[in-house]
N, C-alpha and C. Protein backbone atom coordinates (compact mmCIF):
# COMPACT_ATOMS: atom_id res chain seq x y z
N MET A 1 101.05 154.20 138.41
CA MET A 1 99.32 153.61 138.48
C MET A 1 98.88 154.27 139.76
N MET A 2 99.59 153.98 141.08
CA MET A 2 99.24 154.70 142.34
C MET A 2 98.83 155.81 142.20
N TYR A 3 99.69 156.91 141.96
CA TYR A 3 99.54 158.19 141.62
C TYR A 3 98.34 158.51 140.81
N ARG A 4 97.93 157.75 139.77
CA ARG A 4 96.75 158.19 138.99
C ARG A 4 95.49 157.89 139.94
N LEU A 5 95.55 157.00 140.48
CA LEU A 5 94.36 156.30 141.56
C LEU A 5 94.72 157.47 142.33
N ILE A 6 95.36 157.98 142.87
CA ILE A 6 95.28 159.04 144.14
C ILE A 6 94.55 160.13 143.60
N ALA A 7 95.16 160.79 142.26
CA ALA A 7 94.40 161.92 141.41
C ALA A 7 92.43 161.61 141.52
N ASP A 8 92.66 160.35 140.53
CA ASP A 8 91.33 160.18 140.64
C ASP A 8 90.25 160.29 141.81
N ALA A 9 90.82 159.56 142.85
CA ALA A 9 90.28 159.50 144.16
C ALA A 9 89.94 161.03 144.91
N ALA A 10 91.07 161.64 144.65
CA ALA A 10 90.73 163.18 145.10
C ALA A 10 89.71 163.70 144.02
N MET A 11 89.86 163.47 143.08
CA MET A 11 88.55 164.16 142.20
C MET A 11 87.13 163.42 142.55
N VAL A 12 87.00 162.28 142.88
CA VAL A 12 85.79 161.67 143.01
C VAL A 12 85.55 162.41 144.35
N VAL A 13 86.19 162.51 145.61
CA VAL A 13 85.77 163.24 146.81
C VAL A 13 85.81 164.65 146.83
N HIS A 14 86.26 165.36 145.74
CA HIS A 14 86.04 166.70 145.30
C HIS A 14 84.67 167.11 144.75
N PHE A 15 84.02 166.09 144.01
CA PHE A 15 82.74 166.13 143.39
C PHE A 15 81.57 165.80 144.48
N ALA A 16 82.11 164.55 145.29
CA ALA A 16 80.84 164.61 146.49
C ALA A 16 81.12 165.68 147.41
N PHE A 17 82.42 166.32 147.99
CA PHE A 17 82.25 167.72 148.64
C PHE A 17 81.51 168.78 148.18
N LEU A 18 81.58 168.85 146.89
CA LEU A 18 80.46 170.13 146.18
C LEU A 18 79.28 169.60 146.18
N ALA A 19 79.08 168.13 145.95
CA ALA A 19 77.19 167.94 145.84
C ALA A 19 77.01 168.14 147.46
N TYR A 20 77.94 167.66 148.15
CA TYR A 20 77.22 167.87 149.85
C TYR A 20 77.24 169.25 150.22
N MET A 21 77.84 170.32 149.92
CA MET A 21 77.59 171.29 149.93
C MET A 21 76.30 172.15 149.38
N ALA A 22 76.15 171.56 148.05
CA ALA A 22 74.95 172.06 147.58
C ALA A 22 73.52 171.71 148.66
N VAL A 23 73.43 170.09 148.87
CA VAL A 23 72.23 169.67 149.04
C VAL A 23 72.65 169.12 150.73
N GLY A 24 73.61 168.98 151.32
CA GLY A 24 73.90 168.77 152.79
C GLY A 24 72.79 169.21 153.53
N GLY A 25 72.15 170.09 153.43
CA GLY A 25 71.12 170.74 154.72
C GLY A 25 70.07 170.00 154.35
N TYR A 26 69.83 169.37 153.33
CA TYR A 26 68.96 168.73 153.07
C TYR A 26 68.98 167.06 153.66
N VAL A 27 69.80 166.86 153.58
CA VAL A 27 70.35 165.51 154.38
C VAL A 27 70.15 165.21 156.00
N ALA A 28 70.62 167.03 156.53
CA ALA A 28 70.11 166.96 157.78
C ALA A 28 68.89 167.22 158.28
N TRP A 29 68.14 167.14 157.16
CA TRP A 29 66.55 167.12 157.86
C TRP A 29 66.24 165.81 158.36
N ARG A 30 67.06 164.78 157.77
CA ARG A 30 66.77 163.31 158.19
C ARG A 30 68.03 162.82 159.43
N TRP A 31 68.91 163.52 159.27
CA TRP A 31 70.05 163.02 160.37
C TRP A 31 70.38 164.27 160.68
N ARG A 32 70.09 165.00 162.01
CA ARG A 32 70.12 165.88 162.64
C ARG A 32 71.56 166.57 162.93
N ARG A 33 72.14 165.70 163.38
CA ARG A 33 73.89 165.79 163.67
C ARG A 33 74.50 166.07 162.45
N THR A 34 74.16 165.77 161.37
CA THR A 34 75.14 166.09 160.14
C THR A 34 74.95 167.89 159.81
N ILE A 35 74.25 168.50 160.46
CA ILE A 35 74.08 169.91 160.18
C ILE A 35 75.32 170.50 160.43
N TRP A 36 76.07 170.34 161.22
CA TRP A 36 77.51 170.70 161.86
C TRP A 36 78.42 170.47 160.79
N ALA A 37 78.36 169.12 160.28
CA ALA A 37 79.32 168.75 159.16
C ALA A 37 79.09 169.89 158.06
N HIS A 38 77.95 170.03 157.78
CA HIS A 38 77.50 170.70 156.47
C HIS A 38 77.90 172.19 156.76
N LEU A 39 77.52 173.13 157.76
CA LEU A 39 78.01 174.10 158.24
C LEU A 39 79.33 174.53 157.76
N ALA A 40 80.15 173.24 158.46
CA ALA A 40 81.97 173.32 158.26
C ALA A 40 81.97 173.27 156.79
N VAL A 41 81.42 172.56 155.97
CA VAL A 41 81.50 172.63 154.47
C VAL A 41 81.21 173.96 153.78
N VAL A 42 80.18 174.59 154.05
CA VAL A 42 79.78 175.80 153.64
C VAL A 42 80.99 176.96 154.11
N ALA A 43 81.35 176.83 155.40
CA ALA A 43 82.29 177.78 155.61
C ALA A 43 83.47 177.63 155.04
N TRP A 44 84.08 176.60 154.50
CA TRP A 44 85.13 176.33 154.14
C TRP A 44 84.64 176.83 152.21
N GLY A 45 83.59 176.64 152.25
CA GLY A 45 83.29 177.12 150.69
C GLY A 45 83.55 178.51 150.59
N LEU A 46 82.91 178.98 151.50
CA LEU A 46 82.75 180.76 151.60
C LEU A 46 84.20 181.23 151.80
N PHE A 47 84.78 180.54 152.63
CA PHE A 47 86.31 181.20 152.77
C PHE A 47 86.91 180.83 151.73
N SER A 48 87.23 179.84 151.02
CA SER A 48 87.75 179.59 149.84
C SER A 48 87.33 180.58 148.79
N LEU A 49 86.03 181.00 148.44
CA LEU A 49 85.63 181.75 147.27
C LEU A 49 85.96 183.18 148.00
N ALA A 50 85.98 183.27 148.96
CA ALA A 50 86.49 184.96 149.41
C ALA A 50 87.87 185.13 149.50
N THR A 51 88.59 184.28 149.76
CA THR A 51 89.86 184.41 149.64
C THR A 51 90.54 184.03 148.77
N GLY A 52 90.25 183.17 147.91
CA GLY A 52 90.82 182.31 146.67
C GLY A 52 91.78 181.49 147.32
N VAL A 53 91.79 180.92 148.50
CA VAL A 53 92.82 179.74 148.83
C VAL A 53 92.44 178.48 148.28
N GLU A 54 93.58 178.03 147.79
CA GLU A 54 93.54 176.83 147.20
C GLU A 54 92.92 175.52 147.87
N CYS A 55 91.94 174.48 147.53
CA CYS A 55 91.44 173.55 147.94
C CYS A 55 92.57 172.57 148.09
N PRO A 56 92.57 171.97 149.59
CA PRO A 56 93.50 170.69 149.36
C PRO A 56 93.05 169.61 148.59
N LEU A 57 92.18 169.30 148.19
CA LEU A 57 91.84 168.38 147.10
C LEU A 57 92.10 168.62 145.99
N THR A 58 92.35 169.73 145.56
CA THR A 58 92.81 170.24 144.37
C THR A 58 94.25 170.20 144.34
N VAL A 59 94.77 170.39 145.27
CA VAL A 59 96.51 170.25 145.47
C VAL A 59 96.96 168.77 145.35
N VAL A 60 95.94 167.93 146.02
CA VAL A 60 96.50 166.38 146.10
C VAL A 60 96.07 165.62 144.62
N GLU A 61 95.10 166.34 143.86
CA GLU A 61 94.71 165.84 142.58
C GLU A 61 95.66 166.28 141.70
N ASP A 62 95.95 167.17 141.51
CA ASP A 62 97.19 168.22 140.82
C ASP A 62 98.49 167.09 140.67
N TRP A 63 99.15 166.94 142.03
CA TRP A 63 100.14 166.45 142.67
C TRP A 63 100.22 165.03 141.84
N GLY A 64 99.21 164.28 142.50
CA GLY A 64 98.99 162.93 141.75
C GLY A 64 99.07 162.71 140.36
N ARG A 65 98.39 163.52 139.53
CA ARG A 65 98.32 164.00 138.26
C ARG A 65 99.79 163.96 137.64
N ARG A 66 100.17 165.08 138.05
CA ARG A 66 101.72 165.07 137.45
C ARG A 66 102.60 163.99 138.16
N SER A 67 102.70 163.74 139.35
CA SER A 67 103.58 162.50 139.43
C SER A 67 103.54 161.37 138.66
N ALA A 68 101.85 160.73 138.13
CA ALA A 68 101.61 160.02 137.26
C ALA A 68 102.11 160.36 135.71
N GLY A 69 102.62 161.58 135.51
CA GLY A 69 103.37 161.49 133.98
C GLY A 69 101.99 162.07 133.21
N LEU A 70 101.29 162.65 134.09
CA LEU A 70 99.95 163.34 133.27
C LEU A 70 100.02 164.65 133.46
N GLN A 71 98.99 165.31 132.57
CA GLN A 71 98.78 166.93 132.63
C GLN A 71 98.43 167.23 133.99
N GLY A 72 98.42 168.13 134.47
CA GLY A 72 98.07 168.46 135.88
C GLY A 72 96.95 169.40 135.54
N LEU A 73 96.06 169.72 136.78
CA LEU A 73 95.23 170.67 136.65
C LEU A 73 95.72 172.04 136.02
N PRO A 74 94.68 172.73 135.42
CA PRO A 74 95.14 174.29 134.95
C PRO A 74 95.43 175.02 136.31
N PRO A 75 96.13 176.08 136.04
CA PRO A 75 96.30 176.86 137.40
C PRO A 75 94.99 177.46 138.15
N THR A 76 93.60 177.62 137.30
CA THR A 76 92.88 178.13 137.74
C THR A 76 91.90 177.16 138.47
N GLY A 77 92.38 175.47 138.40
CA GLY A 77 91.78 174.70 139.40
C GLY A 77 90.93 174.08 139.05
N PHE A 78 90.11 173.24 139.73
CA PHE A 78 89.35 172.05 139.97
C PHE A 78 88.12 172.62 139.22
N ILE A 79 87.65 173.68 139.73
CA ILE A 79 85.99 174.25 139.46
C ILE A 79 86.23 174.45 137.79
N ASP A 80 87.06 175.37 137.17
CA ASP A 80 87.40 175.73 136.18
C ASP A 80 87.47 174.75 135.14
N HIS A 81 88.35 173.77 135.81
CA HIS A 81 88.42 172.62 134.95
C HIS A 81 87.52 171.65 134.54
N TYR A 82 86.57 171.42 135.75
CA TYR A 82 85.69 170.43 135.74
C TYR A 82 84.20 170.83 135.59
N ILE A 83 83.91 171.96 136.02
CA ILE A 83 82.75 172.47 135.96
C ILE A 83 82.25 173.68 135.49
N GLU A 84 83.05 175.02 135.46
CA GLU A 84 82.53 175.88 134.57
C GLU A 84 83.10 175.70 132.95
N GLY A 85 82.16 175.98 132.29
CA GLY A 85 82.54 175.56 130.92
C GLY A 85 82.03 174.21 130.36
N VAL A 86 82.05 173.19 131.59
CA VAL A 86 81.63 171.80 131.24
C VAL A 86 80.05 171.93 131.73
N ILE A 87 79.80 172.06 132.63
CA ILE A 87 78.30 172.09 133.49
C ILE A 87 77.39 173.29 132.88
N TYR A 88 78.10 174.48 133.15
CA TYR A 88 77.53 175.44 132.72
C TYR A 88 78.50 176.59 132.05
N PRO A 89 78.24 177.68 131.51
CA PRO A 89 78.90 178.20 130.75
C PRO A 89 79.82 179.23 131.86
N GLU A 90 80.59 179.43 131.47
CA GLU A 90 81.91 180.20 132.27
C GLU A 90 81.04 181.81 132.94
N GLU A 91 80.14 182.31 131.69
CA GLU A 91 79.62 183.66 132.12
C GLU A 91 78.45 183.24 133.02
N TYR A 92 77.98 182.29 133.42
CA TYR A 92 76.95 181.75 134.48
C TYR A 92 77.46 181.40 135.73
N ALA A 93 78.75 181.78 135.91
CA ALA A 93 79.34 181.28 137.23
C ALA A 93 78.43 181.88 138.53
N ASN A 94 78.50 183.08 138.17
CA ASN A 94 77.93 183.79 139.43
C ASN A 94 76.42 183.50 139.71
N LEU A 95 75.94 183.33 138.78
CA LEU A 95 74.74 182.79 138.89
C LEU A 95 74.28 181.22 139.37
N ALA A 96 75.52 180.48 138.84
CA ALA A 96 75.52 178.94 139.75
C ALA A 96 75.69 178.98 141.00
N ARG A 97 76.70 179.86 141.66
CA ARG A 97 77.06 180.46 143.10
C ARG A 97 75.88 180.76 143.96
N LEU A 98 74.76 181.65 143.16
CA LEU A 98 73.28 182.06 143.60
C LEU A 98 72.74 180.94 143.72
N GLY A 99 72.46 180.30 142.83
CA GLY A 99 71.84 179.12 142.87
C GLY A 99 72.18 178.05 143.92
N VAL A 100 73.37 177.62 144.30
CA VAL A 100 73.78 176.83 145.40
C VAL A 100 73.54 177.41 146.62
N ALA A 101 73.79 179.14 146.70
CA ALA A 101 73.48 179.70 147.92
C ALA A 101 71.96 179.50 148.20
N ILE A 102 71.11 179.71 147.32
CA ILE A 102 69.32 179.57 147.45
C ILE A 102 69.08 178.13 148.21
N LEU A 103 70.04 176.96 147.43
CA LEU A 103 69.73 175.73 147.96
C LEU A 103 70.08 175.69 149.36
N VAL A 104 71.34 176.02 149.75
CA VAL A 104 71.54 176.19 151.19
C VAL A 104 70.56 176.50 151.91
N LEU A 105 70.27 178.15 151.59
CA LEU A 105 69.64 178.89 152.59
C LEU A 105 68.09 178.21 152.48
N PHE A 106 67.40 177.72 151.60
CA PHE A 106 66.07 176.94 151.55
C PHE A 106 66.77 175.65 152.74
N SER A 107 67.20 174.92 152.80
CA SER A 107 67.53 173.99 153.45
C SER A 107 67.73 174.27 154.74
N TYR A 108 68.45 175.36 155.04
CA TYR A 108 68.70 175.68 156.35
C TYR A 108 67.47 176.02 156.82
N VAL A 109 66.65 176.85 156.05
CA VAL A 109 65.13 177.32 156.39
C VAL A 109 64.29 175.80 157.21
N GLY A 110 64.36 174.99 156.04
CA GLY A 110 63.53 173.97 156.36
C GLY A 110 64.15 172.84 157.33
N TYR A 111 65.48 173.03 157.60
CA TYR A 111 65.85 172.42 158.99
C TYR A 111 65.38 172.92 160.20
N VAL A 112 65.12 174.30 160.21
CA VAL A 112 64.72 175.25 161.31
C VAL A 112 63.24 174.85 161.68
N LEU A 113 62.52 174.88 160.36
CA LEU A 113 60.97 174.62 160.43
C LEU A 113 60.71 173.07 161.25
N ARG A 114 61.34 172.50 160.45
CA ARG A 114 61.17 170.88 160.98
C ARG A 114 61.68 170.79 162.04
N ARG A 115 62.64 171.20 162.81
CA ARG A 115 63.17 171.44 164.53
C ARG A 115 61.90 171.31 165.39
N GLN A 116 61.11 172.37 165.15
CA GLN A 116 60.00 173.03 165.58
C GLN A 116 58.70 172.03 165.68
């Protein structure tokens, strides 16, 4: 039971992390200091995307599921399992990434404009 809770908690944190990656720049409009956390999250996302390094949250969730006797995540990872093909079709992955990049870019432009 405990392993299942760990896996589920990792999944929830992972979804929250991805949501913050998409809209955290807008949060910084209200709480300016959070821009540094958002920059770190975006940097991790870009690094992960560019290098293919596996997210530690994916590793924790997979470990928790396997330790609980459940089927682990597929080798393609969290995004492919929960998001691609579920929220949007797999063939639109690059369009979805572009959409998130545009969201982040607009949030940073707004952040800079609001600071003036």
